[in-house]
PDB file of N, CA and C in Angstrom:
ATOM      1  N   MET A   1      14.215 -17.517   3.238  1.00  0.00           N
ATOM      2  CA  MET A   1      14.206 -16.910   4.541  1.00  0.00           C
ATOM      3  C   MET A   1      12.962 -16.036   4.660  1.00  0.00           C
ATOM      4  N   SER A   2      12.381 -16.057   5.824  1.00  0.00           N
ATOM      5  CA  SER A   2      11.220 -15.202   6.037  1.00  0.00           C
ATOM      6  C   SER A   2      11.478 -14.294   7.238  1.00  0.00           C
ATOM      7  N   ILE A   3      10.883 -13.136   7.151  1.00  0.00           N
ATOM      8  CA  ILE A   3      11.011 -12.142   8.210  1.00  0.00           C
ATOM      9  C   ILE A   3       9.605 -11.694   8.585  1.00  0.00           C
ATOM     10  N   LYS A   4       9.352 -11.592   9.875  1.00  0.00           N
ATOM     11  CA  LYS A   4       8.045 -11.142  10.334  1.00  0.00           C
ATOM     12  C   LYS A   4       8.107  -9.650  10.612  1.00  0.00           C
ATOM     13  N   ILE A   5       7.151  -8.916  10.072  1.00  0.00           N
ATOM     14  CA  ILE A   5       7.072  -7.486  10.358  1.00  0.00           C
ATOM     15  C   ILE A   5       5.663  -7.164  10.831  1.00  0.00           C
ATOM     16  N   ASP A   6       5.571  -6.172  11.675  1.00  0.00           N
ATOM     17  CA  ASP A   6       4.273  -5.703  12.152  1.00  0.00           C
ATOM     18  C   ASP A   6       3.917  -4.429  11.395  1.00  0.00           C
ATOM     19  N   LEU A   7       2.791  -4.465  10.733  1.00  0.00           N
ATOM     20  CA  LEU A   7       2.317  -3.308   9.980  1.00  0.00           C
ATOM     21  C   LEU A   7       1.428  -2.461  10.881  1.00  0.00           C
ATOM     22  N   PRO A   8       1.333  -1.178  10.568  1.00  0.00           N
ATOM     23  CA  PRO A   8       0.415  -0.328  11.330  1.00  0.00           C
ATOM     24  C   PRO A   8      -1.013  -0.882  11.259  1.00  0.00           C
ATOM     25  N   GLU A   9      -1.770  -0.616  12.294  1.00  0.00           N
ATOM     26  CA  GLU A   9      -3.117  -1.181  12.410  1.00  0.00           C
ATOM     27  C   GLU A   9      -4.019  -0.810  11.231  1.00  0.00           C
ATOM     28  N   ASP A  10      -3.910   0.418  10.737  1.00  0.00           N
ATOM     29  CA  ASP A  10      -4.783   0.813   9.624  1.00  0.00           C
ATOM     30  C   ASP A  10      -4.481  -0.003   8.367  1.00  0.00           C
ATOM     31  N   ILE A  11      -3.224  -0.333   8.145  1.00  0.00           N
ATOM     32  CA  ILE A  11      -2.869  -1.171   6.991  1.00  0.00           C
ATOM     33  C   ILE A  11      -3.371  -2.593   7.211  1.00  0.00           C
ATOM     34  N   GLN A  12      -3.236  -3.094   8.424  1.00  0.00           N
ATOM     35  CA  GLN A  12      -3.734  -4.439   8.719  1.00  0.00           C
ATOM     36  C   GLN A  12      -5.234  -4.544   8.457  1.00  0.00           C
ATOM     37  N   LEU A  13      -5.969  -3.517   8.815  1.00  0.00           N
ATOM     38  CA  LEU A  13      -7.418  -3.528   8.586  1.00  0.00           C
ATOM     39  C   LEU A  13      -7.736  -3.518   7.093  1.00  0.00           C
ATOM     40  N   LYS A  14      -6.998  -2.734   6.319  1.00  0.00           N
ATOM     41  CA  LYS A  14      -7.228  -2.697   4.875  1.00  0.00           C
ATOM     42  C   LYS A  14      -6.922  -4.043   4.237  1.00  0.00           C
ATOM     43  N   ILE A  15      -5.893  -4.712   4.730  1.00  0.00           N
ATOM     44  CA  ILE A  15      -5.537  -6.034   4.200  1.00  0.00           C
ATOM     45  C   ILE A  15      -6.641  -7.037   4.496  1.00  0.00           C
ATOM     46  N   LYS A  16      -7.229  -6.957   5.690  1.00  0.00           N
ATOM     47  CA  LYS A  16      -8.321  -7.876   6.046  1.00  0.00           C
ATOM     48  C   LYS A  16      -9.526  -7.678   5.141  1.00  0.00           C
ATOM     49  N   ILE A  17      -9.746  -6.430   4.728  1.00  0.00           N
ATOM     50  CA  ILE A  17     -10.884  -6.112   3.873  1.00  0.00           C
ATOM     51  C   ILE A  17     -10.629  -6.518   2.431  1.00  0.00           C
ATOM     52  N   ASP A  18      -9.408  -6.305   1.940  1.00  0.00           N
ATOM     53  CA  ASP A  18      -9.090  -6.551   0.535  1.00  0.00           C
ATOM     54  C   ASP A  18      -7.800  -7.364   0.422  1.00  0.00           C
ATOM     55  N   LYS A  19      -7.918  -8.646   0.106  1.00  0.00           N
ATOM     56  CA  LYS A  19      -6.755  -9.540   0.025  1.00  0.00           C
ATOM     57  C   LYS A  19      -5.818  -9.188  -1.134  1.00  0.00           C
ATOM     58  N   ASP A  20      -6.324  -8.518  -2.173  1.00  0.00           N
ATOM     59  CA  ASP A  20      -5.453  -8.104  -3.277  1.00  0.00           C
ATOM     60  C   ASP A  20      -4.430  -7.074  -2.809  1.00  0.00           C
ATOM     61  N   ILE A  21      -4.827  -6.240  -1.869  1.00  0.00           N
ATOM     62  CA  ILE A  21      -3.899  -5.250  -1.317  1.00  0.00           C
ATOM     63  C   ILE A  21      -2.746  -5.956  -0.603  1.00  0.00           C
ATOM     64  N   GLU A  22      -3.020  -7.073   0.035  1.00  0.00           N
ATOM     65  CA  GLU A  22      -1.966  -7.821   0.734  1.00  0.00           C
ATOM     66  C   GLU A  22      -0.849  -8.217  -0.236  1.00  0.00           C
ATOM     67  N   LYS A  23      -1.221  -8.689  -1.419  1.00  0.00           N
ATOM     68  CA  LYS A  23      -0.216  -9.075  -2.421  1.00  0.00           C
ATOM     69  C   LYS A  23       0.621  -7.872  -2.856  1.00  0.00           C
ATOM     70  N   ILE A  24      -0.037  -6.746  -3.065  1.00  0.00           N
ATOM     71  CA  ILE A  24       0.659  -5.537  -3.494  1.00  0.00           C
ATOM     72  C   ILE A  24       1.625  -5.065  -2.409  1.00  0.00           C
ATOM     73  N   ILE A  25       1.165  -5.053  -1.171  1.00  0.00           N
ATOM     74  CA  ILE A  25       2.003  -4.610  -0.053  1.00  0.00           C
ATOM     75  C   ILE A  25       3.180  -5.555   0.141  1.00  0.00           C
ATOM     76  N   ARG A  26       2.929  -6.855   0.055  1.00  0.00           N
ATOM     77  CA  ARG A  26       4.003  -7.844   0.221  1.00  0.00           C
ATOM     78  C   ARG A  26       5.104  -7.628  -0.826  1.00  0.00           C
ATOM     79  N   LYS A  27       4.714  -7.462  -2.073  1.00  0.00           N
ATOM     80  CA  LYS A  27       5.687  -7.243  -3.152  1.00  0.00           C
ATOM     81  C   LYS A  27       6.470  -5.954  -2.931  1.00  0.00           C
ATOM     82  N   ARG A  28       5.778  -4.910  -2.500  1.00  0.00           N
ATOM     83  CA  ARG A  28       6.428  -3.610  -2.270  1.00  0.00           C
ATOM     84  C   ARG A  28       7.464  -3.721  -1.146  1.00  0.00           C
ATOM     85  N   ILE A  29       7.082  -4.368  -0.074  1.00  0.00           N
ATOM     86  CA  ILE A  29       8.006  -4.535   1.056  1.00  0.00           C
ATOM     87  C   ILE A  29       9.208  -5.365   0.630  1.00  0.00           C
ATOM     88  N   GLU A  30       8.971  -6.460  -0.067  1.00  0.00           N
ATOM     89  CA  GLU A  30      10.082  -7.313  -0.523  1.00  0.00           C
ATOM     90  C   GLU A  30      11.032  -6.531  -1.426  1.00  0.00           C
ATOM     91  N   ARG A  31      10.483  -5.747  -2.347  1.00  0.00           N
ATOM     92  CA  ARG A  31      11.321  -4.975  -3.270  1.00  0.00           C
ATOM     93  C   ARG A  31      12.121  -3.904  -2.537  1.00  0.00           C
ATOM     94  N   ASP A  32      11.456  -3.165  -1.666  1.00  0.00           N
ATOM     95  CA  ASP A  32      12.138  -2.084  -0.946  1.00  0.00           C
ATOM     96  C   ASP A  32      13.239  -2.621  -0.034  1.00  0.00           C
ATOM     97  N   ILE A  33      12.952  -3.681   0.683  1.00  0.00           N
ATOM     98  CA  ILE A  33      13.952  -4.255   1.578  1.00  0.00           C
ATOM     99  C   ILE A  33      15.117  -4.819   0.774  1.00  0.00           C
ATOM    100  N   SER A  34      14.824  -5.493  -0.317  1.00  0.00           N
ATOM    101  CA  SER A  34      15.877  -6.060  -1.157  1.00  0.00           C
ATOM    102  C   SER A  34      16.803  -4.962  -1.686  1.00  0.00           C
ATOM    103  N   GLU A  35      16.231  -3.864  -2.145  1.00  0.00           N
ATOM    104  CA  GLU A  35      17.037  -2.749  -2.661  1.00  0.00           C
ATOM    105  C   GLU A  35      17.922  -2.166  -1.563  1.00  0.00           C
ATOM    106  N   LYS A  36      17.386  -1.973  -0.382  1.00  0.00           N
ATOM    107  CA  LYS A  36      18.154  -1.400   0.725  1.00  0.00           C
ATOM    108  C   LYS A  36      19.290  -2.329   1.132  1.00  0.00           C
ATOM    109  N   ILE A  37      19.020  -3.622   1.185  1.00  0.00           N
ATOM    110  CA  ILE A  37      20.063  -4.582   1.558  1.00  0.00           C
ATOM    111  C   ILE A  37      21.180  -4.570   0.516  1.00  0.00           C
ATOM    112  N   LYS A  38      20.825  -4.528  -0.764  1.00  0.00           N
ATOM    113  CA  LYS A  38      21.845  -4.457  -1.824  1.00  0.00           C
ATOM    114  C   LYS A  38      22.696  -3.202  -1.673  1.00  0.00           C
ATOM    115  N   GLU A  39      22.075  -2.073  -1.359  1.00  0.00           N
ATOM    116  CA  GLU A  39      22.820  -0.828  -1.154  1.00  0.00           C
ATOM    117  C   GLU A  39      23.771  -0.958   0.038  1.00  0.00           C
ATOM    118  N   ASP A  40      23.291  -1.565   1.106  1.00  0.00           N
ATOM    119  CA  ASP A  40      24.116  -1.723   2.304  1.00  0.00           C
ATOM    120  C   ASP A  40      25.302  -2.654   2.052  1.00  0.00           C
ATOM    121  N   ILE A  41      25.068  -3.722   1.317  1.00  0.00           N
ATOM    122  CA  ILE A  41      26.159  -4.646   0.980  1.00  0.00           C
ATOM    123  C   ILE A  41      27.184  -3.934   0.104  1.00  0.00           C
ATOM    124  N   PHE A  42      26.710  -3.151  -0.859  1.00  0.00           N
ATOM    125  CA  PHE A  42      27.621  -2.399  -1.719  1.00  0.00           C
ATOM    126  C   PHE A  42      28.488  -1.444  -0.897  1.00  0.00           C
ATOM    127  N   LEU A  43      27.872  -0.713   0.025  1.00  0.00           N
ATOM    128  CA  LEU A  43      28.633   0.205   0.870  1.00  0.00           C
ATOM    129  C   LEU A  43      29.660  -0.542   1.714  1.00  0.00           C
ATOM    130  N   SER A  44      29.270  -1.666   2.258  1.00  0.00           N
ATOM    131  CA  SER A  44      30.187  -2.460   3.066  1.00  0.00           C
ATOM    132  C   SER A  44      31.380  -2.916   2.233  1.00  0.00           C
ATOM    133  N   MET A  45      31.125  -3.367   1.003  1.00  0.00           N
ATOM    134  CA  MET A  45      32.203  -3.796   0.113  1.00  0.00           C
ATOM    135  C   MET A  45      33.088  -2.611  -0.264  1.00  0.00           C
ATOM    136  N   LEU A  46      32.472  -1.463  -0.479  1.00  0.00           N
ATOM    137  CA  LEU A  46      33.222  -0.264  -0.820  1.00  0.00           C
ATOM    138  C   LEU A  46      34.165   0.124   0.320  1.00  0.00           C
ATOM    139  N   PHE A  47      33.653   0.084   1.537  1.00  0.00           N
ATOM    140  CA  PHE A  47      34.490   0.388   2.698  1.00  0.00           C
ATOM    141  C   PHE A  47      35.606  -0.640   2.849  1.00  0.00           C
ATOM    142  N   ASP A  48      35.286  -1.908   2.625  1.00  0.00           N
ATOM    143  CA  ASP A  48      36.317  -2.950   2.705  1.00  0.00           C
ATOM    144  C   ASP A  48      37.432  -2.676   1.704  1.00  0.00           C
ATOM    145  N   LYS A  49      37.050  -2.306   0.481  1.00  0.00           N
ATOM    146  CA  LYS A  49      38.050  -2.037  -0.560  1.00  0.00           C
ATOM    147  C   LYS A  49      38.883  -0.807  -0.206  1.00  0.00           C
ATOM    148  N   ALA A  50      38.227   0.241   0.240  1.00  0.00           N
ATOM    149  CA  ALA A  50      38.948   1.472   0.592  1.00  0.00           C
ATOM    150  C   ALA A  50      39.916   1.218   1.746  1.00  0.00           C
ATOM    151  N   LEU A  51      39.465   0.460   2.712  1.00  0.00           N
ATOM    152  CA  LEU A  51      40.330   0.182   3.861  1.00  0.00           C
ATOM    153  C   LEU A  51      41.422  -0.824   3.503  1.00  0.00           C
ATOM    154  N   GLY A  52      41.167  -1.658   2.525  1.00  0.00           N
ATOM    155  CA  GLY A  52      42.144  -2.666   2.126  1.00  0.00           C
ATOM    156  C   GLY A  52      43.397  -2.067   1.522  1.00  0.00           C
ATOM    157  N   SER A  53      43.286  -0.908   0.898  1.00  0.00           N
ATOM    158  CA  SER A  53      44.452  -0.284   0.274  1.00  0.00           C
ATOM    159  C   SER A  53      45.123   0.733   1.198  1.00  0.00           C
ATOM    160  N   SER A  54      44.684   0.789   2.428  1.00  0.00           N
ATOM    161  CA  SER A  54      45.239   1.734   3.394  1.00  0.00           C
ATOM    162  C   SER A  54      46.649   1.336   3.806  1.00  0.00           C
ATOM    163  N   LYS A  55      47.441   2.305   4.215  1.00  0.00           N
ATOM    164  CA  LYS A  55      48.793   2.041   4.698  1.00  0.00           C
ATOM    165  C   LYS A  55      48.799   1.737   6.196  1.00  0.00           C
ATOM    166  N   LEU A  56      47.620   1.689   6.793  1.00  0.00           N
ATOM    167  CA  LEU A  56      47.520   1.339   8.201  1.00  0.00           C
ATOM    168  C   LEU A  56      47.856  -0.136   8.398  1.00  0.00           C
ATOM    169  N   GLU A  57      48.234  -0.477   9.611  1.00  0.00           N
ATOM    170  CA  GLU A  57      48.462  -1.886   9.942  1.00  0.00           C
ATOM    171  C   GLU A  57      47.136  -2.626   9.917  1.00  0.00           C
ATOM    172  N   LYS A  58      47.191  -3.937   9.703  1.00  0.00           N
ATOM    173  CA  LYS A  58      45.975  -4.733   9.606  1.00  0.00           C
ATOM    174  C   LYS A  58      45.094  -4.582  10.847  1.00  0.00           C
ATOM    175  N   ASP A  59      45.683  -4.593  12.028  1.00  0.00           N
ATOM    176  CA  ASP A  59      44.894  -4.433  13.256  1.00  0.00           C
ATOM    177  C   ASP A  59      44.172  -3.087  13.294  1.00  0.00           C
ATOM    178  N   ASP A  60      44.854  -2.031  12.843  1.00  0.00           N
ATOM    179  CA  ASP A  60      44.234  -0.709  12.787  1.00  0.00           C
ATOM    180  C   ASP A  60      43.069  -0.704  11.805  1.00  0.00           C
ATOM    181  N   VAL A  61      43.294  -1.310  10.660  1.00  0.00           N
ATOM    182  CA  VAL A  61      42.247  -1.385   9.637  1.00  0.00           C
ATOM    183  C   VAL A  61      41.055  -2.173  10.164  1.00  0.00           C
ATOM    184  N   ASP A  62      41.310  -3.269  10.844  1.00  0.00           N
ATOM    185  CA  ASP A  62      40.219  -4.073  11.404  1.00  0.00           C
ATOM    186  C   ASP A  62      39.405  -3.272  12.407  1.00  0.00           C
ATOM    187  N   LYS A  63      40.068  -2.488  13.246  1.00  0.00           N
ATOM    188  CA  LYS A  63      39.361  -1.661  14.232  1.00  0.00           C
ATOM    189  C   LYS A  63      38.488  -0.616  13.549  1.00  0.00           C
ATOM    190  N   VAL A  64      39.055   0.063  12.564  1.00  0.00           N
ATOM    191  CA  VAL A  64      38.296   1.086  11.833  1.00  0.00           C
ATOM    192  C   VAL A  64      37.134   0.432  11.096  1.00  0.00           C
ATOM    193  N   ASP A  65      37.399  -0.707  10.466  1.00  0.00           N
ATOM    194  CA  ASP A  65      36.377  -1.446   9.726  1.00  0.00           C
ATOM    195  C   ASP A  65      35.202  -1.800  10.642  1.00  0.00           C
ATOM    196  N   ARG A  66      35.508  -2.336  11.810  1.00  0.00           N
ATOM    197  CA  ARG A  66      34.444  -2.713  12.753  1.00  0.00           C
ATOM    198  C   ARG A  66      33.657  -1.488  13.214  1.00  0.00           C
ATOM    199  N   LYS A  67      34.347  -0.380  13.466  1.00  0.00           N
ATOM    200  CA  LYS A  67      33.657   0.834  13.911  1.00  0.00           C
ATOM    201  C   LYS A  67      32.719   1.362  12.828  1.00  0.00           C
ATOM    202  N   ILE A  68      33.182   1.372  11.593  1.00  0.00           N
ATOM    203  CA  ILE A  68      32.346   1.864  10.489  1.00  0.00           C
ATOM    204  C   ILE A  68      31.133   0.959  10.307  1.00  0.00           C
ATOM    205  N   LYS A  69      31.362  -0.345  10.260  1.00  0.00           N
ATOM    206  CA  LYS A  69      30.245  -1.278  10.070  1.00  0.00           C
ATOM    207  C   LYS A  69      29.278  -1.218  11.237  1.00  0.00           C
ATOM    208  N   LYS A  70      29.790  -1.065  12.456  1.00  0.00           N
ATOM    209  CA  LYS A  70      28.922  -0.940  13.620  1.00  0.00           C
ATOM    210  C   LYS A  70      28.057   0.309  13.487  1.00  0.00           C
ATOM    211  N   GLY A  71      28.657   1.413  13.031  1.00  0.00           N
ATOM    212  CA  GLY A  71      27.904   2.645  12.825  1.00  0.00           C
ATOM    213  C   GLY A  71      26.816   2.481  11.775  1.00  0.00           C
ATOM    214  N   ILE A  72      27.132   1.768  10.716  1.00  0.00           N
ATOM    215  CA  ILE A  72      26.148   1.508   9.667  1.00  0.00           C
ATOM    216  C   ILE A  72      24.996   0.688  10.214  1.00  0.00           C
ATOM    217  N   VAL A  73      25.325  -0.390  10.921  1.00  0.00           N
ATOM    218  CA  VAL A  73      24.305  -1.283  11.485  1.00  0.00           C
ATOM    219  C   VAL A  73      23.416  -0.515  12.456  1.00  0.00           C
ATOM    220  N   GLU A  74      24.017   0.290  13.332  1.00  0.00           N
ATOM    221  CA  GLU A  74      23.221   1.067  14.286  1.00  0.00           C
ATOM    222  C   GLU A  74      22.395   2.139  13.586  1.00  0.00           C
ATOM    223  N   GLY A  75      22.984   2.759  12.559  1.00  0.00           N
ATOM    224  CA  GLY A  75      22.256   3.787  11.810  1.00  0.00           C
ATOM    225  C   GLY A  75      21.042   3.237  11.099  1.00  0.00           C
ATOM    226  N   LEU A  76      21.153   1.979  10.666  1.00  0.00           N
ATOM    227  CA  LEU A  76      20.037   1.328   9.985  1.00  0.00           C
ATOM    228  C   LEU A  76      19.103   0.630  10.967  1.00  0.00           C
ATOM    229  N   GLU A  77      19.441   0.743  12.250  1.00  0.00           N
ATOM    230  CA  GLU A  77      18.653   0.130  13.326  1.00  0.00           C
ATOM    231  C   GLU A  77      18.532  -1.380  13.150  1.00  0.00           C
ATOM    232  N   TRP A  78      19.631  -2.014  12.693  1.00  0.00           N
ATOM    233  CA  TRP A  78      19.644  -3.476  12.574  1.00  0.00           C
ATOM    234  C   TRP A  78      19.953  -4.115  13.912  1.00  0.00           C
ATOM    235  N   LYS A  79      20.403  -3.333  14.853  1.00  0.00           N
ATOM    236  CA  LYS A  79      20.816  -3.874  16.144  1.00  0.00           C
ATOM    237  C   LYS A  79      20.111  -3.161  17.252  1.00  0.00           C
TER     238      LYS A  79
END
């Protein structure tokens, strides 16, 4: 999967001047994004587990689950 991102103009200019910097920046972005996604998935699983053992009815749990995940997604500006 590939994702397109727009870098600030000053970084774009440096990349045009030095192609080795492009490789370094690409690796850094891939690593940072991968780490953040892993953290987000872990939190989502943690919330699922915590809500799964709740004494609330399934419909109540589903509503709370959706609200929490929606808050996470909005907080991370994924939406």
